[in-house]
Amino acid sequence: MTKHVIKFENLTAEFHELMEEYSLPIRLPEHRVRPRHTKHLTYDNLSYSNIAMINEIYADDFRSFGYEMMLAPSPPPLKKKKSAVESDVDAEADDVTKNRGGK
């Protein structure tokens, strides 16, 4: 069973409190060390299906730790598959256009 949960957004403060509680002389560094050319992944980089999957897989964690689930943008519109008749009509229209000298 987990005794302590430290949230990332309060990592430094909560970690130091935990270390004090156990009288451990461990401190986190004051600054983050990160490579210069690190790309940042943000919410905007996630697709509808990514967000839906994260919400589904981590639903218990969101509830347990008091986080709101991510709001997913509207799903992409489904492409309507053309019927055989619609495809034939489009092909005939293309033939007519070509015969008239069109593009």
PDB file of N, CA and C in Angstrom:
ATOM      1  N   MET A   1       0.836  -1.175   0.000  1.00  0.00           N
ATOM      2  CA  MET A   1       0.000   0.000   0.000  1.00  0.00           C
ATOM      3  C   MET A   1       0.887   1.246   0.000  1.00  0.00           C
ATOM      4  N   THR A   2       0.492   2.224  -0.767  1.00  0.00           N
ATOM      5  CA  THR A   2       1.246   3.465  -0.868  1.00  0.00           C
ATOM      6  C   THR A   2       0.959   4.347   0.340  1.00  0.00           C
ATOM      7  N   LYS A   3       2.034   4.829   0.973  1.00  0.00           N
ATOM      8  CA  LYS A   3       1.865   5.714   2.122  1.00  0.00           C
ATOM      9  C   LYS A   3       1.864   7.179   1.719  1.00  0.00           C
ATOM     10  N   HIS A   4       2.636   7.505   0.695  1.00  0.00           N
ATOM     11  CA  HIS A   4       2.796   8.906   0.306  1.00  0.00           C
ATOM     12  C   HIS A   4       2.679   9.040  -1.208  1.00  0.00           C
ATOM     13  N   VAL A   5       1.973  10.062  -1.627  1.00  0.00           N
ATOM     14  CA  VAL A   5       1.883  10.403  -3.043  1.00  0.00           C
ATOM     15  C   VAL A   5       2.344  11.837  -3.172  1.00  0.00           C
ATOM     16  N   ILE A   6       3.313  12.042  -4.054  1.00  0.00           N
ATOM     17  CA  ILE A   6       3.827  13.386  -4.303  1.00  0.00           C
ATOM     18  C   ILE A   6       3.382  13.779  -5.702  1.00  0.00           C
ATOM     19  N   LYS A   7       2.662  14.872  -5.808  1.00  0.00           N
ATOM     20  CA  LYS A   7       2.199  15.336  -7.114  1.00  0.00           C
ATOM     21  C   LYS A   7       3.319  16.099  -7.819  1.00  0.00           C
ATOM     22  N   PHE A   8       3.423  15.868  -9.106  1.00  0.00           N
ATOM     23  CA  PHE A   8       4.497  16.472  -9.889  1.00  0.00           C
ATOM     24  C   PHE A   8       4.484  17.993  -9.798  1.00  0.00           C
ATOM     25  N   GLU A   9       3.282  18.590  -9.815  1.00  0.00           N
ATOM     26  CA  GLU A   9       3.212  20.053  -9.805  1.00  0.00           C
ATOM     27  C   GLU A   9       3.692  20.651  -8.484  1.00  0.00           C
ATOM     28  N   ASN A  10       3.811  19.826  -7.442  1.00  0.00           N
ATOM     29  CA  ASN A  10       4.339  20.276  -6.142  1.00  0.00           C
ATOM     30  C   ASN A  10       5.553  19.443  -5.724  1.00  0.00           C
ATOM     31  N   LEU A  11       6.234  18.898  -6.696  1.00  0.00           N
ATOM     32  CA  LEU A  11       7.293  17.923  -6.446  1.00  0.00           C
ATOM     33  C   LEU A  11       8.317  18.386  -5.419  1.00  0.00           C
ATOM     34  N   THR A  12       8.905  19.541  -5.618  1.00  0.00           N
ATOM     35  CA  THR A  12       9.983  19.995  -4.742  1.00  0.00           C
ATOM     36  C   THR A  12       9.498  20.177  -3.305  1.00  0.00           C
ATOM     37  N   ALA A  13       8.419  20.913  -3.120  1.00  0.00           N
ATOM     38  CA  ALA A  13       7.927  21.184  -1.769  1.00  0.00           C
ATOM     39  C   ALA A  13       7.492  19.899  -1.070  1.00  0.00           C
ATOM     40  N   GLU A  14       6.728  19.063  -1.750  1.00  0.00           N
ATOM     41  CA  GLU A  14       6.233  17.833  -1.121  1.00  0.00           C
ATOM     42  C   GLU A  14       7.358  16.846  -0.846  1.00  0.00           C
ATOM     43  N   PHE A  15       8.343  16.792  -1.744  1.00  0.00           N
ATOM     44  CA  PHE A  15       9.490  15.905  -1.522  1.00  0.00           C
ATOM     45  C   PHE A  15      10.265  16.345  -0.285  1.00  0.00           C
ATOM     46  N   HIS A  16      10.522  17.651  -0.171  1.00  0.00           N
ATOM     47  CA  HIS A  16      11.272  18.154   0.986  1.00  0.00           C
ATOM     48  C   HIS A  16      10.503  17.914   2.283  1.00  0.00           C
ATOM     49  N   GLU A  17       9.174  18.083   2.268  1.00  0.00           N
ATOM     50  CA  GLU A  17       8.358  17.794   3.455  1.00  0.00           C
ATOM     51  C   GLU A  17       8.470  16.322   3.850  1.00  0.00           C
ATOM     52  N   LEU A  18       8.431  15.444   2.860  1.00  0.00           N
ATOM     53  CA  LEU A  18       8.533  14.013   3.125  1.00  0.00           C
ATOM     54  C   LEU A  18       9.900  13.662   3.718  1.00  0.00           C
ATOM     55  N   MET A  19      10.943  14.251   3.178  1.00  0.00           N
ATOM     56  CA  MET A  19      12.280  13.985   3.699  1.00  0.00           C
ATOM     57  C   MET A  19      12.410  14.481   5.146  1.00  0.00           C
ATOM     58  N   GLU A  20      11.814  15.628   5.433  1.00  0.00           N
ATOM     59  CA  GLU A  20      11.846  16.150   6.807  1.00  0.00           C
ATOM     60  C   GLU A  20      11.077  15.228   7.755  1.00  0.00           C
ATOM     61  N   GLU A  21       9.942  14.715   7.283  1.00  0.00           N
ATOM     62  CA  GLU A  21       9.123  13.815   8.107  1.00  0.00           C
ATOM     63  C   GLU A  21       9.920  12.583   8.533  1.00  0.00           C
ATOM     64  N   TYR A  22      10.791  12.090   7.655  1.00  0.00           N
ATOM     65  CA  TYR A  22      11.595  10.905   7.963  1.00  0.00           C
ATOM     66  C   TYR A  22      13.024  11.262   8.397  1.00  0.00           C
ATOM     67  N   SER A  23      13.257  12.540   8.617  1.00  0.00           N
ATOM     68  CA  SER A  23      14.582  13.029   9.051  1.00  0.00           C
ATOM     69  C   SER A  23      15.703  12.577   8.122  1.00  0.00           C
ATOM     70  N   LEU A  24      15.442  12.676   6.839  1.00  0.00           N
ATOM     71  CA  LEU A  24      16.446  12.311   5.843  1.00  0.00           C
ATOM     72  C   LEU A  24      17.028  13.579   5.229  1.00  0.00           C
ATOM     73  N   PRO A  25      18.346  13.678   5.146  1.00  0.00           N
ATOM     74  CA  PRO A  25      18.987  14.889   4.612  1.00  0.00           C
ATOM     75  C   PRO A  25      19.094  14.890   3.083  1.00  0.00           C
ATOM     76  N   ILE A  26      18.026  14.558   2.415  1.00  0.00           N
ATOM     77  CA  ILE A  26      18.041  14.492   0.949  1.00  0.00           C
ATOM     78  C   ILE A  26      17.265  15.688   0.411  1.00  0.00           C
ATOM     79  N   ARG A  27      17.876  16.383  -0.550  1.00  0.00           N
ATOM     80  CA  ARG A  27      17.237  17.551  -1.168  1.00  0.00           C
ATOM     81  C   ARG A  27      17.284  17.384  -2.684  1.00  0.00           C
ATOM     82  N   LEU A  28      16.282  17.919  -3.344  1.00  0.00           N
ATOM     83  CA  LEU A  28      16.290  17.946  -4.808  1.00  0.00           C
ATOM     84  C   LEU A  28      17.120  19.135  -5.271  1.00  0.00           C
ATOM     85  N   PRO A  29      17.748  19.026  -6.440  1.00  0.00           N
ATOM     86  CA  PRO A  29      18.502  20.169  -6.963  1.00  0.00           C
ATOM     87  C   PRO A  29      17.583  21.373  -7.162  1.00  0.00           C
ATOM     88  N   GLU A  30      18.136  22.556  -7.060  1.00  0.00           N
ATOM     89  CA  GLU A  30      17.360  23.793  -7.182  1.00  0.00           C
ATOM     90  C   GLU A  30      16.936  24.084  -8.619  1.00  0.00           C
ATOM     91  N   HIS A  31      17.646  23.562  -9.592  1.00  0.00           N
ATOM     92  CA  HIS A  31      17.279  23.824 -10.988  1.00  0.00           C
ATOM     93  C   HIS A  31      17.229  22.508 -11.749  1.00  0.00           C
ATOM     94  N   ARG A  32      16.469  22.534 -12.833  1.00  0.00           N
ATOM     95  CA  ARG A  32      16.361  21.342 -13.668  1.00  0.00           C
ATOM     96  C   ARG A  32      17.464  21.353 -14.701  1.00  0.00           C
ATOM     97  N   VAL A  33      17.975  20.191 -14.959  1.00  0.00           N
ATOM     98  CA  VAL A  33      18.979  20.052 -16.006  1.00  0.00           C
ATOM     99  C   VAL A  33      18.294  19.357 -17.179  1.00  0.00           C
ATOM    100  N   ARG A  34      18.307  20.029 -18.317  1.00  0.00           N
ATOM    101  CA  ARG A  34      17.631  19.492 -19.491  1.00  0.00           C
ATOM    102  C   ARG A  34      18.508  19.779 -20.714  1.00  0.00           C
ATOM    103  N   PRO A  35      18.591  18.816 -21.628  1.00  0.00           N
ATOM    104  CA  PRO A  35      19.358  19.074 -22.850  1.00  0.00           C
ATOM    105  C   PRO A  35      18.822  20.297 -23.586  1.00  0.00           C
ATOM    106  N   ARG A  36      19.671  20.973 -24.282  1.00  0.00           N
ATOM    107  CA  ARG A  36      19.293  22.202 -24.992  1.00  0.00           C
ATOM    108  C   ARG A  36      18.221  21.984 -26.051  1.00  0.00           C
ATOM    109  N   HIS A  37      18.306  20.883 -26.754  1.00  0.00           N
ATOM    110  CA  HIS A  37      17.429  20.677 -27.913  1.00  0.00           C
ATOM    111  C   HIS A  37      16.285  19.712 -27.599  1.00  0.00           C
ATOM    112  N   THR A  38      15.692  19.865 -26.462  1.00  0.00           N
ATOM    113  CA  THR A  38      14.582  19.009 -26.076  1.00  0.00           C
ATOM    114  C   THR A  38      13.285  19.552 -26.662  1.00  0.00           C
ATOM    115  N   LYS A  39      12.533  18.681 -27.293  1.00  0.00           N
ATOM    116  CA  LYS A  39      11.221  19.080 -27.797  1.00  0.00           C
ATOM    117  C   LYS A  39      10.211  18.882 -26.678  1.00  0.00           C
ATOM    118  N   HIS A  40       9.215  19.743 -26.647  1.00  0.00           N
ATOM    119  CA  HIS A  40       8.210  19.684 -25.599  1.00  0.00           C
ATOM    120  C   HIS A  40       6.915  19.118 -26.149  1.00  0.00           C
ATOM    121  N   LEU A  41       6.450  18.046 -25.537  1.00  0.00           N
ATOM    122  CA  LEU A  41       5.177  17.463 -25.900  1.00  0.00           C
ATOM    123  C   LEU A  41       4.104  18.152 -25.070  1.00  0.00           C
ATOM    124  N   THR A  42       3.088  18.679 -25.733  1.00  0.00           N
ATOM    125  CA  THR A  42       2.015  19.375 -25.030  1.00  0.00           C
ATOM    126  C   THR A  42       0.667  18.751 -25.392  1.00  0.00           C
ATOM    127  N   TYR A  43      -0.356  19.215 -24.735  1.00  0.00           N
ATOM    128  CA  TYR A  43      -1.722  18.779 -24.993  1.00  0.00           C
ATOM    129  C   TYR A  43      -2.057  18.933 -26.477  1.00  0.00           C
ATOM    130  N   ASP A  44      -1.573  19.997 -27.091  1.00  0.00           N
ATOM    131  CA  ASP A  44      -1.881  20.261 -28.498  1.00  0.00           C
ATOM    132  C   ASP A  44      -1.295  19.219 -29.443  1.00  0.00           C
ATOM    133  N   ASN A  45      -0.325  18.441 -28.974  1.00  0.00           N
ATOM    134  CA  ASN A  45       0.270  17.406 -29.802  1.00  0.00           C
ATOM    135  C   ASN A  45      -0.533  16.102 -29.780  1.00  0.00           C
ATOM    136  N   LEU A  46      -1.547  16.042 -28.931  1.00  0.00           N
ATOM    137  CA  LEU A  46      -2.312  14.813 -28.777  1.00  0.00           C
ATOM    138  C   LEU A  46      -3.547  14.808 -29.668  1.00  0.00           C
ATOM    139  N   SER A  47      -3.802  13.672 -30.274  1.00  0.00           N
ATOM    140  CA  SER A  47      -4.984  13.533 -31.119  1.00  0.00           C
ATOM    141  C   SER A  47      -6.193  13.174 -30.260  1.00  0.00           C
ATOM    142  N   TYR A  48      -7.351  13.232 -30.866  1.00  0.00           N
ATOM    143  CA  TYR A  48      -8.583  12.841 -30.177  1.00  0.00           C
ATOM    144  C   TYR A  48      -8.439  11.432 -29.611  1.00  0.00           C
ATOM    145  N   SER A  49      -7.944  10.499 -30.435  1.00  0.00           N
ATOM    146  CA  SER A  49      -7.845   9.108 -29.976  1.00  0.00           C
ATOM    147  C   SER A  49      -6.820   8.963 -28.854  1.00  0.00           C
ATOM    148  N   ASN A  50      -5.725   9.752 -28.872  1.00  0.00           N
ATOM    149  CA  ASN A  50      -4.749   9.719 -27.773  1.00  0.00           C
ATOM    150  C   ASN A  50      -5.403  10.140 -26.462  1.00  0.00           C
ATOM    151  N   ILE A  51      -6.133  11.240 -26.497  1.00  0.00           N
ATOM    152  CA  ILE A  51      -6.766  11.774 -25.290  1.00  0.00           C
ATOM    153  C   ILE A  51      -7.822  10.804 -24.769  1.00  0.00           C
ATOM    154  N   ALA A  52      -8.621  10.237 -25.663  1.00  0.00           N
ATOM    155  CA  ALA A  52      -9.641   9.269 -25.253  1.00  0.00           C
ATOM    156  C   ALA A  52      -8.986   8.056 -24.592  1.00  0.00           C
ATOM    157  N   MET A  53      -7.874   7.596 -25.149  1.00  0.00           N
ATOM    158  CA  MET A  53      -7.174   6.442 -24.590  1.00  0.00           C
ATOM    159  C   MET A  53      -6.581   6.768 -23.216  1.00  0.00           C
ATOM    160  N   ILE A  54      -5.977   7.933 -23.057  1.00  0.00           N
ATOM    161  CA  ILE A  54      -5.419   8.360 -21.767  1.00  0.00           C
ATOM    162  C   ILE A  54      -6.529   8.423 -20.724  1.00  0.00           C
ATOM    163  N   ASN A  55      -7.657   9.022 -21.080  1.00  0.00           N
ATOM    164  CA  ASN A  55      -8.787   9.126 -20.149  1.00  0.00           C
ATOM    165  C   ASN A  55      -9.298   7.749 -19.733  1.00  0.00           C
ATOM    166  N   GLU A  56      -9.334   6.824 -20.663  1.00  0.00           N
ATOM    167  CA  GLU A  56      -9.833   5.487 -20.352  1.00  0.00           C
ATOM    168  C   GLU A  56      -8.842   4.705 -19.486  1.00  0.00           C
ATOM    169  N   ILE A  57      -7.593   4.690 -19.882  1.00  0.00           N
ATOM    170  CA  ILE A  57      -6.585   3.902 -19.167  1.00  0.00           C
ATOM    171  C   ILE A  57      -6.336   4.438 -17.757  1.00  0.00           C
ATOM    172  N   TYR A  58      -6.311   5.758 -17.620  1.00  0.00           N
ATOM    173  CA  TYR A  58      -5.966   6.358 -16.332  1.00  0.00           C
ATOM    174  C   TYR A  58      -7.163   6.929 -15.574  1.00  0.00           C
ATOM    175  N   ALA A  59      -8.372   6.470 -15.888  1.00  0.00           N
ATOM    176  CA  ALA A  59      -9.590   6.984 -15.240  1.00  0.00           C
ATOM    177  C   ALA A  59      -9.516   6.855 -13.721  1.00  0.00           C
ATOM    178  N   ASP A  60      -9.062   5.715 -13.220  1.00  0.00           N
ATOM    179  CA  ASP A  60      -8.958   5.512 -11.762  1.00  0.00           C
ATOM    180  C   ASP A  60      -7.961   6.484 -11.144  1.00  0.00           C
ATOM    181  N   ASP A  61      -6.847   6.718 -11.828  1.00  0.00           N
ATOM    182  CA  ASP A  61      -5.838   7.653 -11.311  1.00  0.00           C
ATOM    183  C   ASP A  61      -6.379   9.076 -11.274  1.00  0.00           C
ATOM    184  N   PHE A  62      -7.095   9.481 -12.314  1.00  0.00           N
ATOM    185  CA  PHE A  62      -7.684  10.824 -12.319  1.00  0.00           C
ATOM    186  C   PHE A  62      -8.596  11.001 -11.104  1.00  0.00           C
ATOM    187  N   ARG A  63      -9.450  10.010 -10.863  1.00  0.00           N
ATOM    188  CA  ARG A  63     -10.369  10.086  -9.720  1.00  0.00           C
ATOM    189  C   ARG A  63      -9.617  10.036  -8.391  1.00  0.00           C
ATOM    190  N   SER A  64      -8.702   9.093  -8.241  1.00  0.00           N
ATOM    191  CA  SER A  64      -7.987   8.901  -6.969  1.00  0.00           C
ATOM    192  C   SER A  64      -7.176  10.117  -6.553  1.00  0.00           C
ATOM    193  N   PHE A  65      -6.570  10.783  -7.525  1.00  0.00           N
ATOM    194  CA  PHE A  65      -5.678  11.896  -7.199  1.00  0.00           C
ATOM    195  C   PHE A  65      -6.308  13.267  -7.417  1.00  0.00           C
ATOM    196  N   GLY A  66      -7.595  13.286  -7.752  1.00  0.00           N
ATOM    197  CA  GLY A  66      -8.315  14.549  -7.857  1.00  0.00           C
ATOM    198  C   GLY A  66      -8.021  15.373  -9.096  1.00  0.00           C
ATOM    199  N   TYR A  67      -7.659  14.704 -10.180  1.00  0.00           N
ATOM    200  CA  TYR A  67      -7.415  15.427 -11.426  1.00  0.00           C
ATOM    201  C   TYR A  67      -8.641  15.329 -12.323  1.00  0.00           C
ATOM    202  N   GLU A  68      -8.860  16.350 -13.130  1.00  0.00           N
ATOM    203  CA  GLU A  68      -9.926  16.300 -14.125  1.00  0.00           C
ATOM    204  C   GLU A  68      -9.404  15.566 -15.346  1.00  0.00           C
ATOM    205  N   MET A  69     -10.284  14.814 -15.976  1.00  0.00           N
ATOM    206  CA  MET A  69      -9.885  14.151 -17.218  1.00  0.00           C
ATOM    207  C   MET A  69      -9.661  15.209 -18.284  1.00  0.00           C
ATOM    208  N   MET A  70      -8.840  14.875 -19.241  1.00  0.00           N
ATOM    209  CA  MET A  70      -8.532  15.798 -20.316  1.00  0.00           C
ATOM    210  C   MET A  70      -9.761  15.942 -21.211  1.00  0.00           C
ATOM    211  N   LEU A  71     -10.034  17.157 -21.630  1.00  0.00           N
ATOM    212  CA  LEU A  71     -11.132  17.376 -22.562  1.00  0.00           C
ATOM    213  C   LEU A  71     -10.626  17.117 -23.964  1.00  0.00           C
ATOM    214  N   ALA A  72     -11.246  16.181 -24.612  1.00  0.00           N
ATOM    215  CA  ALA A  72     -10.839  15.844 -25.972  1.00  0.00           C
ATOM    216  C   ALA A  72     -11.586  16.729 -26.959  1.00  0.00           C
ATOM    217  N   PRO A  73     -10.904  17.181 -27.994  1.00  0.00           N
ATOM    218  CA  PRO A  73     -11.621  17.920 -29.036  1.00  0.00           C
ATOM    219  C   PRO A  73     -12.612  16.971 -29.709  1.00  0.00           C
ATOM    220  N   SER A  74     -13.474  17.503 -30.494  1.00  0.00           N
ATOM    221  CA  SER A  74     -14.446  16.658 -31.195  1.00  0.00           C
ATOM    222  C   SER A  74     -13.709  15.634 -32.041  1.00  0.00           C
ATOM    223  N   PRO A  75     -14.277  14.433 -32.129  1.00  0.00           N
ATOM    224  CA  PRO A  75     -13.617  13.427 -32.966  1.00  0.00           C
ATOM    225  C   PRO A  75     -13.641  13.868 -34.421  1.00  0.00           C
ATOM    226  N   PRO A  76     -12.662  13.411 -35.172  1.00  0.00           N
ATOM    227  CA  PRO A  76     -12.656  13.787 -36.588  1.00  0.00           C
ATOM    228  C   PRO A  76     -13.907  13.249 -37.270  1.00  0.00           C
ATOM    229  N   PRO A  77     -14.434  13.994 -38.237  1.00  0.00           N
ATOM    230  CA  PRO A  77     -15.643  13.530 -38.919  1.00  0.00           C
ATOM    231  C   PRO A  77     -15.374  12.232 -39.671  1.00  0.00           C
ATOM    232  N   LEU A  78     -16.353  11.367 -39.667  1.00  0.00           N
ATOM    233  CA  LEU A  78     -16.206  10.120 -40.403  1.00  0.00           C
ATOM    234  C   LEU A  78     -16.404  10.406 -41.880  1.00  0.00           C
ATOM    235  N   LYS A  79     -15.547   9.802 -42.676  1.00  0.00           N
ATOM    236  CA  LYS A  79     -15.686   9.976 -44.122  1.00  0.00           C
ATOM    237  C   LYS A  79     -16.743   9.000 -44.613  1.00  0.00           C
ATOM    238  N   LYS A  80     -17.695   9.560 -45.326  1.00  0.00           N
ATOM    239  CA  LYS A  80     -18.767   8.724 -45.866  1.00  0.00           C
ATOM    240  C   LYS A  80     -18.225   7.987 -47.076  1.00  0.00           C
ATOM    241  N   LYS A  81     -18.373   6.685 -47.027  1.00  0.00           N
ATOM    242  CA  LYS A  81     -17.928   5.879 -48.161  1.00  0.00           C
ATOM    243  C   LYS A  81     -18.979   5.975 -49.260  1.00  0.00           C
ATOM    244  N   LYS A  82     -18.517   6.245 -50.466  1.00  0.00           N
ATOM    245  CA  LYS A  82     -19.437   6.379 -51.590  1.00  0.00           C
ATOM    246  C   LYS A  82     -19.984   5.017 -51.981  1.00  0.00           C
ATOM    247  N   SER A  83     -21.248   5.033 -52.335  1.00  0.00           N
ATOM    248  CA  SER A  83     -21.855   3.791 -52.834  1.00  0.00           C
ATOM    249  C   SER A  83     -21.348   3.554 -54.250  1.00  0.00           C
ATOM    250  N   ALA A  84     -21.579   2.356 -54.753  1.00  0.00           N
ATOM    251  CA  ALA A  84     -21.153   2.023 -56.118  1.00  0.00           C
ATOM    252  C   ALA A  84     -21.833   2.947 -57.125  1.00  0.00           C
ATOM    253  N   VAL A  85     -23.101   3.286 -56.881  1.00  0.00           N
ATOM    254  CA  VAL A  85     -23.850   4.172 -57.789  1.00  0.00           C
ATOM    255  C   VAL A  85     -23.214   5.558 -57.793  1.00  0.00           C
ATOM    256  N   GLU A  86     -22.872   6.099 -56.589  1.00  0.00           N
ATOM    257  CA  GLU A  86     -22.260   7.428 -56.512  1.00  0.00           C
ATOM    258  C   GLU A  86     -20.901   7.443 -57.219  1.00  0.00           C
ATOM    259  N   SER A  87     -20.145   6.369 -57.082  1.00  0.00           N
ATOM    260  CA  SER A  87     -18.842   6.287 -57.746  1.00  0.00           C
ATOM    261  C   SER A  87     -19.007   6.266 -59.258  1.00  0.00           C
ATOM    262  N   ASP A  88     -20.017   5.512 -59.740  1.00  0.00           N
ATOM    263  CA  ASP A  88     -20.281   5.451 -61.184  1.00  0.00           C
ATOM    264  C   ASP A  88     -20.693   6.814 -61.721  1.00  0.00           C
ATOM    265  N   VAL A  89     -21.532   7.538 -60.952  1.00  0.00           N
ATOM    266  CA  VAL A  89     -21.988   8.870 -61.371  1.00  0.00           C
ATOM    267  C   VAL A  89     -20.799   9.814 -61.446  1.00  0.00           C
ATOM    268  N   ASP A  90     -19.920   9.779 -60.439  1.00  0.00           N
ATOM    269  CA  ASP A  90     -18.725  10.635 -60.458  1.00  0.00           C
ATOM    270  C   ASP A  90     -17.839  10.312 -61.651  1.00  0.00           C
ATOM    271  N   ALA A  91     -17.669   9.038 -61.962  1.00  0.00           N
ATOM    272  CA  ALA A  91     -16.833   8.634 -63.092  1.00  0.00           C
ATOM    273  C   ALA A  91     -17.431   9.129 -64.403  1.00  0.00           C
ATOM    274  N   GLU A  92     -18.738   9.013 -64.535  1.00  0.00           N
ATOM    275  CA  GLU A  92     -19.399   9.495 -65.753  1.00  0.00           C
ATOM    276  C   GLU A  92     -19.262  11.013 -65.879  1.00  0.00           C
ATOM    277  N   ALA A  93     -19.384  11.728 -64.756  1.00  0.00           N
ATOM    278  CA  ALA A  93     -19.244  13.188 -64.787  1.00  0.00           C
ATOM    279  C   ALA A  93     -17.825  13.566 -65.207  1.00  0.00           C
ATOM    280  N   ASP A  94     -16.827  12.832 -64.721  1.00  0.00           N
ATOM    281  CA  ASP A  94     -15.443  13.094 -65.117  1.00  0.00           C
ATOM    282  C   ASP A  94     -15.262  12.868 -66.613  1.00  0.00           C
ATOM    283  N   ASP A  95     -15.881  11.799 -67.156  1.00  0.00           N
ATOM    284  CA  ASP A  95     -15.775  11.505 -68.589  1.00  0.00           C
ATOM    285  C   ASP A  95     -16.378  12.624 -69.408  1.00  0.00           C
ATOM    286  N   VAL A  96     -17.549  13.124 -68.971  1.00  0.00           N
ATOM    287  CA  VAL A  96     -18.237  14.212 -69.688  1.00  0.00           C
ATOM    288  C   VAL A  96     -17.356  15.446 -69.683  1.00  0.00           C
ATOM    289  N   THR A  97     -16.779  15.767 -68.533  1.00  0.00           N
ATOM    290  CA  THR A  97     -15.928  16.961 -68.404  1.00  0.00           C
ATOM    291  C   THR A  97     -14.708  16.844 -69.330  1.00  0.00           C
ATOM    292  N   LYS A  98     -14.090  15.673 -69.385  1.00  0.00           N
ATOM    293  CA  LYS A  98     -12.916  15.466 -70.233  1.00  0.00           C
ATOM    294  C   LYS A  98     -13.279  15.599 -71.713  1.00  0.00           C
ATOM    295  N   ASN A  99     -14.445  15.058 -72.086  1.00  0.00           N
ATOM    296  CA  ASN A  99     -14.880  15.122 -73.477  1.00  0.00           C
ATOM    297  C   ASN A  99     -15.202  16.532 -73.916  1.00  0.00           C
ATOM    298  N   ARG A 100     -15.528  17.415 -72.985  1.00  0.00           N
ATOM    299  CA  ARG A 100     -15.832  18.804 -73.312  1.00  0.00           C
ATOM    300  C   ARG A 100     -14.570  19.646 -73.322  1.00  0.00           C
ATOM    301  N   GLY A 101     -13.442  19.012 -73.059  1.00  0.00           N
ATOM    302  CA  GLY A 101     -12.187  19.752 -73.047  1.00  0.00           C
ATOM    303  C   GLY A 101     -11.842  20.312 -71.681  1.00  0.00           C
ATOM    304  N   GLY A 102     -12.548  19.873 -70.668  1.00  0.00           N
ATOM    305  CA  GLY A 102     -12.282  20.338 -69.300  1.00  0.00           C
ATOM    306  C   GLY A 102     -11.146  19.556 -68.676  1.00  0.00           C
ATOM    307  N   LYS A 103     -10.823  19.929 -67.469  1.00  0.00           N
ATOM    308  CA  LYS A 103      -9.717  19.262 -66.774  1.00  0.00           C
ATOM    309  C   LYS A 103     -10.221  18.198 -65.834  1.00  0.00           C
TER     310      LYS A 103
END
